[in-house]
């Protein structure tokens, strides 16, 4: 499973949680997103994928 697929799963899970759990998971996701953004670079060739989530427009370090 790719990081982007896992992030999609988290986004879908958020839609089905009650408000309190959604807030708690949202805080964790925010930290994960910040770290992922810190470790990646924008990938201008994938900008059309932004409609699926900003995390699809990032280039991972190798």
PDB file of N, CA and C in Angstrom:
ATOM      1  N   UNK A   1       0.846  -1.180   0.000  1.00  0.00           N
ATOM      2  CA  UNK A   1       0.000   0.000   0.000  1.00  0.00           C
ATOM      3  C   UNK A   1       0.893   1.245   0.000  1.00  0.00           C
ATOM      4  N   UNK A   2       0.538   2.187  -0.807  1.00  0.00           N
ATOM      5  CA  UNK A   2       1.260   3.448  -0.894  1.00  0.00           C
ATOM      6  C   UNK A   2       0.781   4.412   0.197  1.00  0.00           C
ATOM      7  N   UNK A   3       1.633   5.344   0.546  1.00  0.00           N
ATOM      8  CA  UNK A   3       1.289   6.358   1.555  1.00  0.00           C
ATOM      9  C   UNK A   3       0.018   7.104   1.143  1.00  0.00           C
ATOM     10  N   UNK A   4      -0.074   7.440  -0.123  1.00  0.00           N
ATOM     11  CA  UNK A   4      -1.240   8.200  -0.601  1.00  0.00           C
ATOM     12  C   UNK A   4      -2.531   7.408  -0.442  1.00  0.00           C
ATOM     13  N   UNK A   5      -2.475   6.109  -0.692  1.00  0.00           N
ATOM     14  CA  UNK A   5      -3.663   5.271  -0.509  1.00  0.00           C
ATOM     15  C   UNK A   5      -4.078   5.223   0.955  1.00  0.00           C
ATOM     16  N   UNK A   6      -3.094   5.094   1.837  1.00  0.00           N
ATOM     17  CA  UNK A   6      -3.391   5.064   3.272  1.00  0.00           C
ATOM     18  C   UNK A   6      -4.006   6.392   3.720  1.00  0.00           C
ATOM     19  N   UNK A   7      -3.494   7.493   3.175  1.00  0.00           N
ATOM     20  CA  UNK A   7      -4.044   8.807   3.540  1.00  0.00           C
ATOM     21  C   UNK A   7      -5.479   8.934   3.045  1.00  0.00           C
ATOM     22  N   UNK A   8      -5.767   8.380   1.869  1.00  0.00           N
ATOM     23  CA  UNK A   8      -7.151   8.348   1.367  1.00  0.00           C
ATOM     24  C   UNK A   8      -8.052   7.584   2.335  1.00  0.00           C
ATOM     25  N   UNK A   9      -7.555   6.459   2.857  1.00  0.00           N
ATOM     26  CA  UNK A   9      -8.335   5.657   3.810  1.00  0.00           C
ATOM     27  C   UNK A   9      -8.648   6.461   5.070  1.00  0.00           C
ATOM     28  N   UNK A  10      -7.668   7.210   5.560  1.00  0.00           N
ATOM     29  CA  UNK A  10      -7.909   8.045   6.747  1.00  0.00           C
ATOM     30  C   UNK A  10      -8.970   9.098   6.463  1.00  0.00           C
ATOM     31  N   UNK A  11      -8.917   9.689   5.282  1.00  0.00           N
ATOM     32  CA  UNK A  11      -9.904  10.711   4.915  1.00  0.00           C
ATOM     33  C   UNK A  11     -11.308  10.113   4.876  1.00  0.00           C
ATOM     34  N   UNK A  12     -11.430   8.911   4.317  1.00  0.00           N
ATOM     35  CA  UNK A  12     -12.745   8.239   4.273  1.00  0.00           C
ATOM     36  C   UNK A  12     -13.223   7.873   5.671  1.00  0.00           C
ATOM     37  N   UNK A  13     -12.310   7.418   6.522  1.00  0.00           N
ATOM     38  CA  UNK A  13     -12.686   7.052   7.892  1.00  0.00           C
ATOM     39  C   UNK A  13     -13.249   8.253   8.642  1.00  0.00           C
ATOM     40  N   UNK A  14     -12.671   9.427   8.393  1.00  0.00           N
ATOM     41  CA  UNK A  14     -13.141  10.646   9.065  1.00  0.00           C
ATOM     42  C   UNK A  14     -14.621  10.914   8.783  1.00  0.00           C
ATOM     43  N   UNK A  15     -15.081  10.539   7.603  1.00  0.00           N
ATOM     44  CA  UNK A  15     -16.472  10.796   7.216  1.00  0.00           C
ATOM     45  C   UNK A  15     -17.472   9.978   8.035  1.00  0.00           C
ATOM     46  N   UNK A  16     -17.014   8.883   8.636  1.00  0.00           N
ATOM     47  CA  UNK A  16     -17.927   7.964   9.318  1.00  0.00           C
ATOM     48  C   UNK A  16     -17.797   7.981  10.842  1.00  0.00           C
ATOM     49  N   UNK A  17     -16.967   8.862  11.360  1.00  0.00           N
ATOM     50  CA  UNK A  17     -16.754   8.909  12.808  1.00  0.00           C
ATOM     51  C   UNK A  17     -17.672   9.927  13.475  1.00  0.00           C
ATOM     52  N   UNK A  18     -18.019   9.671  14.715  1.00  0.00           N
ATOM     53  CA  UNK A  18     -18.751  10.691  15.469  1.00  0.00           C
ATOM     54  C   UNK A  18     -17.843  11.900  15.715  1.00  0.00           C
ATOM     55  N   UNK A  19     -18.415  13.054  16.022  1.00  0.00           N
ATOM     56  CA  UNK A  19     -17.641  14.299  16.139  1.00  0.00           C
ATOM     57  C   UNK A  19     -16.411  14.225  17.037  1.00  0.00           C
ATOM     58  N   UNK A  20     -16.516  13.652  18.204  1.00  0.00           N
ATOM     59  CA  UNK A  20     -15.375  13.603  19.121  1.00  0.00           C
ATOM     60  C   UNK A  20     -14.223  12.783  18.555  1.00  0.00           C
ATOM     61  N   UNK A  21     -14.538  11.613  18.032  1.00  0.00           N
ATOM     62  CA  UNK A  21     -13.510  10.755  17.439  1.00  0.00           C
ATOM     63  C   UNK A  21     -12.928  11.416  16.191  1.00  0.00           C
ATOM     64  N   UNK A  22     -13.776  12.111  15.436  1.00  0.00           N
ATOM     65  CA  UNK A  22     -13.311  12.823  14.235  1.00  0.00           C
ATOM     66  C   UNK A  22     -12.292  13.897  14.611  1.00  0.00           C
ATOM     67  N   UNK A  23     -12.558  14.620  15.689  1.00  0.00           N
ATOM     68  CA  UNK A  23     -11.614  15.646  16.159  1.00  0.00           C
ATOM     69  C   UNK A  23     -10.289  15.012  16.579  1.00  0.00           C
ATOM     70  N   UNK A  24     -10.371  13.921  17.343  1.00  0.00           N
ATOM     71  CA  UNK A  24      -9.162  13.249  17.816  1.00  0.00           C
ATOM     72  C   UNK A  24      -8.324  12.728  16.648  1.00  0.00           C
ATOM     73  N   UNK A  25      -8.968  12.041  15.725  1.00  0.00           N
ATOM     74  CA  UNK A  25      -8.247  11.532  14.569  1.00  0.00           C
ATOM     75  C   UNK A  25      -7.737  12.685  13.710  1.00  0.00           C
ATOM     76  N   UNK A  26      -8.514  13.738  13.606  1.00  0.00           N
ATOM     77  CA  UNK A  26      -8.100  14.907  12.834  1.00  0.00           C
ATOM     78  C   UNK A  26      -6.819  15.524  13.366  1.00  0.00           C
ATOM     79  N   UNK A  27      -6.671  15.560  14.684  1.00  0.00           N
ATOM     80  CA  UNK A  27      -5.432  16.081  15.279  1.00  0.00           C
ATOM     81  C   UNK A  27      -4.235  15.210  14.907  1.00  0.00           C
ATOM     82  N   UNK A  28      -4.425  13.900  14.936  1.00  0.00           N
ATOM     83  CA  UNK A  28      -3.346  12.993  14.548  1.00  0.00           C
ATOM     84  C   UNK A  28      -3.006  13.137  13.064  1.00  0.00           C
ATOM     85  N   UNK A  29      -4.033  13.228  12.253  1.00  0.00           N
ATOM     86  CA  UNK A  29      -3.817  13.376  10.814  1.00  0.00           C
ATOM     87  C   UNK A  29      -3.082  14.670  10.517  1.00  0.00           C
ATOM     88  N   UNK A  30      -3.395  15.726  11.235  1.00  0.00           N
ATOM     89  CA  UNK A  30      -2.702  16.999  11.030  1.00  0.00           C
ATOM     90  C   UNK A  30      -1.209  16.832  11.270  1.00  0.00           C
ATOM     91  N   UNK A  31      -0.841  16.130  12.316  1.00  0.00           N
ATOM     92  CA  UNK A  31       0.580  15.893  12.598  1.00  0.00           C
ATOM     93  C   UNK A  31       1.234  15.033  11.522  1.00  0.00           C
ATOM     94  N   UNK A  32       0.519  14.011  11.078  1.00  0.00           N
ATOM     95  CA  UNK A  32       1.024  13.149  10.004  1.00  0.00           C
ATOM     96  C   UNK A  32       1.212  13.965   8.725  1.00  0.00           C
ATOM     97  N   UNK A  33       0.220  14.780   8.393  1.00  0.00           N
ATOM     98  CA  UNK A  33       0.294  15.610   7.190  1.00  0.00           C
ATOM     99  C   UNK A  33       1.474  16.576   7.245  1.00  0.00           C
ATOM    100  N   UNK A  34       1.676  17.186   8.391  1.00  0.00           N
ATOM    101  CA  UNK A  34       2.791  18.130   8.527  1.00  0.00           C
ATOM    102  C   UNK A  34       4.129  17.430   8.299  1.00  0.00           C
ATOM    103  N   UNK A  35       4.268  16.245   8.838  1.00  0.00           N
ATOM    104  CA  UNK A  35       5.510  15.488   8.663  1.00  0.00           C
ATOM    105  C   UNK A  35       5.673  15.043   7.209  1.00  0.00           C
ATOM    106  N   UNK A  36       4.588  14.587   6.599  1.00  0.00           N
ATOM    107  CA  UNK A  36       4.648  14.163   5.199  1.00  0.00           C
ATOM    108  C   UNK A  36       5.020  15.345   4.309  1.00  0.00           C
ATOM    109  N   UNK A  37       4.428  16.495   4.573  1.00  0.00           N
ATOM    110  CA  UNK A  37       4.738  17.682   3.779  1.00  0.00           C
ATOM    111  C   UNK A  37       6.198  18.105   3.985  1.00  0.00           C
ATOM    112  N   UNK A  38       6.687  17.981   5.204  1.00  0.00           N
ATOM    113  CA  UNK A  38       8.074  18.338   5.494  1.00  0.00           C
ATOM    114  C   UNK A  38       9.056  17.436   4.743  1.00  0.00           C
ATOM    115  N   UNK A  39       8.687  16.171   4.589  1.00  0.00           N
ATOM    116  CA  UNK A  39       9.592  15.190   3.976  1.00  0.00           C
ATOM    117  C   UNK A  39       9.440  15.057   2.460  1.00  0.00           C
ATOM    118  N   UNK A  40       8.533  15.803   1.868  1.00  0.00           N
ATOM    119  CA  UNK A  40       8.274  15.693   0.437  1.00  0.00           C
ATOM    120  C   UNK A  40       8.388  17.042  -0.241  1.00  0.00           C
ATOM    121  N   UNK A  41       8.381  16.993  -1.558  1.00  0.00           N
ATOM    122  CA  UNK A  41       8.430  18.206  -2.367  1.00  0.00           C
ATOM    123  C   UNK A  41       7.215  18.253  -3.276  1.00  0.00           C
ATOM    124  N   UNK A  42       6.796  19.452  -3.684  1.00  0.00           N
ATOM    125  CA  UNK A  42       5.695  19.540  -4.638  1.00  0.00           C
ATOM    126  C   UNK A  42       6.081  18.853  -5.948  1.00  0.00           C
ATOM    127  N   UNK A  43       5.133  18.164  -6.537  1.00  0.00           N
ATOM    128  CA  UNK A  43       5.338  17.514  -7.826  1.00  0.00           C
ATOM    129  C   UNK A  43       4.435  18.196  -8.846  1.00  0.00           C
ATOM    130  N   UNK A  44       4.937  19.196  -9.548  1.00  0.00           N
ATOM    131  CA  UNK A  44       4.100  19.984 -10.455  1.00  0.00           C
ATOM    132  C   UNK A  44       3.469  19.158 -11.568  1.00  0.00           C
ATOM    133  N   UNK A  45       4.059  18.035 -11.932  1.00  0.00           N
ATOM    134  CA  UNK A  45       3.490  17.200 -12.991  1.00  0.00           C
ATOM    135  C   UNK A  45       2.247  16.442 -12.541  1.00  0.00           C
ATOM    136  N   UNK A  46       1.991  16.391 -11.245  1.00  0.00           N
ATOM    137  CA  UNK A  46       0.832  15.668 -10.710  1.00  0.00           C
ATOM    138  C   UNK A  46      -0.250  16.599 -10.190  1.00  0.00           C
ATOM    139  N   UNK A  47      -0.216  17.857 -10.573  1.00  0.00           N
ATOM    140  CA  UNK A  47      -1.163  18.829 -10.017  1.00  0.00           C
ATOM    141  C   UNK A  47      -2.617  18.439 -10.287  1.00  0.00           C
ATOM    142  N   UNK A  48      -2.874  17.731 -11.375  1.00  0.00           N
ATOM    143  CA  UNK A  48      -4.248  17.307 -11.673  1.00  0.00           C
ATOM    144  C   UNK A  48      -4.761  16.305 -10.637  1.00  0.00           C
ATOM    145  N   UNK A  49      -3.858  15.685  -9.890  1.00  0.00           N
ATOM    146  CA  UNK A  49      -4.274  14.735  -8.852  1.00  0.00           C
ATOM    147  C   UNK A  49      -4.742  15.426  -7.575  1.00  0.00           C
ATOM    148  N   UNK A  50      -4.593  16.732  -7.503  1.00  0.00           N
ATOM    149  CA  UNK A  50      -5.005  17.474  -6.311  1.00  0.00           C
ATOM    150  C   UNK A  50      -6.483  17.273  -6.006  1.00  0.00           C
ATOM    151  N   UNK A  51      -7.274  16.964  -7.007  1.00  0.00           N
ATOM    152  CA  UNK A  51      -8.698  16.740  -6.762  1.00  0.00           C
ATOM    153  C   UNK A  51      -8.925  15.517  -5.877  1.00  0.00           C
ATOM    154  N   UNK A  52      -7.947  14.620  -5.808  1.00  0.00           N
ATOM    155  CA  UNK A  52      -8.044  13.444  -4.949  1.00  0.00           C
ATOM    156  C   UNK A  52      -7.497  13.703  -3.556  1.00  0.00           C
ATOM    157  N   UNK A  53      -6.701  14.741  -3.397  1.00  0.00           N
ATOM    158  CA  UNK A  53      -6.100  15.100  -2.112  1.00  0.00           C
ATOM    159  C   UNK A  53      -4.728  15.680  -2.360  1.00  0.00           C
ATOM    160  N   UNK A  54      -4.377  16.689  -1.587  1.00  0.00           N
ATOM    161  CA  UNK A  54      -3.089  17.360  -1.801  1.00  0.00           C
ATOM    162  C   UNK A  54      -1.920  16.397  -1.700  1.00  0.00           C
ATOM    163  N   UNK A  55      -2.073  15.325  -0.914  1.00  0.00           N
ATOM    164  CA  UNK A  55      -0.978  14.372  -0.705  1.00  0.00           C
ATOM    165  C   UNK A  55      -0.608  13.638  -1.990  1.00  0.00           C
ATOM    166  N   UNK A  56      -1.484  13.644  -2.990  1.00  0.00           N
ATOM    167  CA  UNK A  56      -1.164  13.022  -4.277  1.00  0.00           C
ATOM    168  C   UNK A  56      -0.273  13.924  -5.129  1.00  0.00           C
ATOM    169  N   UNK A  57      -0.074  15.170  -4.720  1.00  0.00           N
ATOM    170  CA  UNK A  57       0.724  16.105  -5.508  1.00  0.00           C
ATOM    171  C   UNK A  57       2.127  16.279  -4.932  1.00  0.00           C
ATOM    172  N   UNK A  58       2.537  15.347  -4.105  1.00  0.00           N
ATOM    173  CA  UNK A  58       3.856  15.449  -3.456  1.00  0.00           C
ATOM    174  C   UNK A  58       4.801  14.373  -3.990  1.00  0.00           C
ATOM    175  N   UNK A  59       6.065  14.706  -4.069  1.00  0.00           N
ATOM    176  CA  UNK A  59       7.105  13.788  -4.507  1.00  0.00           C
ATOM    177  C   UNK A  59       7.874  13.358  -3.267  1.00  0.00           C
ATOM    178  N   UNK A  60       7.916  12.068  -3.018  1.00  0.00           N
ATOM    179  CA  UNK A  60       8.605  11.554  -1.837  1.00  0.00           C
ATOM    180  C   UNK A  60      10.095  11.533  -2.032  1.00  0.00           C
ATOM    181  N   UNK A  61      10.810  11.623  -0.912  1.00  0.00           N
ATOM    182  CA  UNK A  61      12.265  11.502  -0.973  1.00  0.00           C
ATOM    183  C   UNK A  61      12.626  10.061  -1.281  1.00  0.00           C
ATOM    184  N   UNK A  62      13.720   9.888  -1.921  1.00  0.00           N
ATOM    185  CA  UNK A  62      14.166   8.527  -2.297  1.00  0.00           C
ATOM    186  C   UNK A  62      15.387   8.145  -1.510  1.00  0.00           C
TER     187      UNK A  62
END
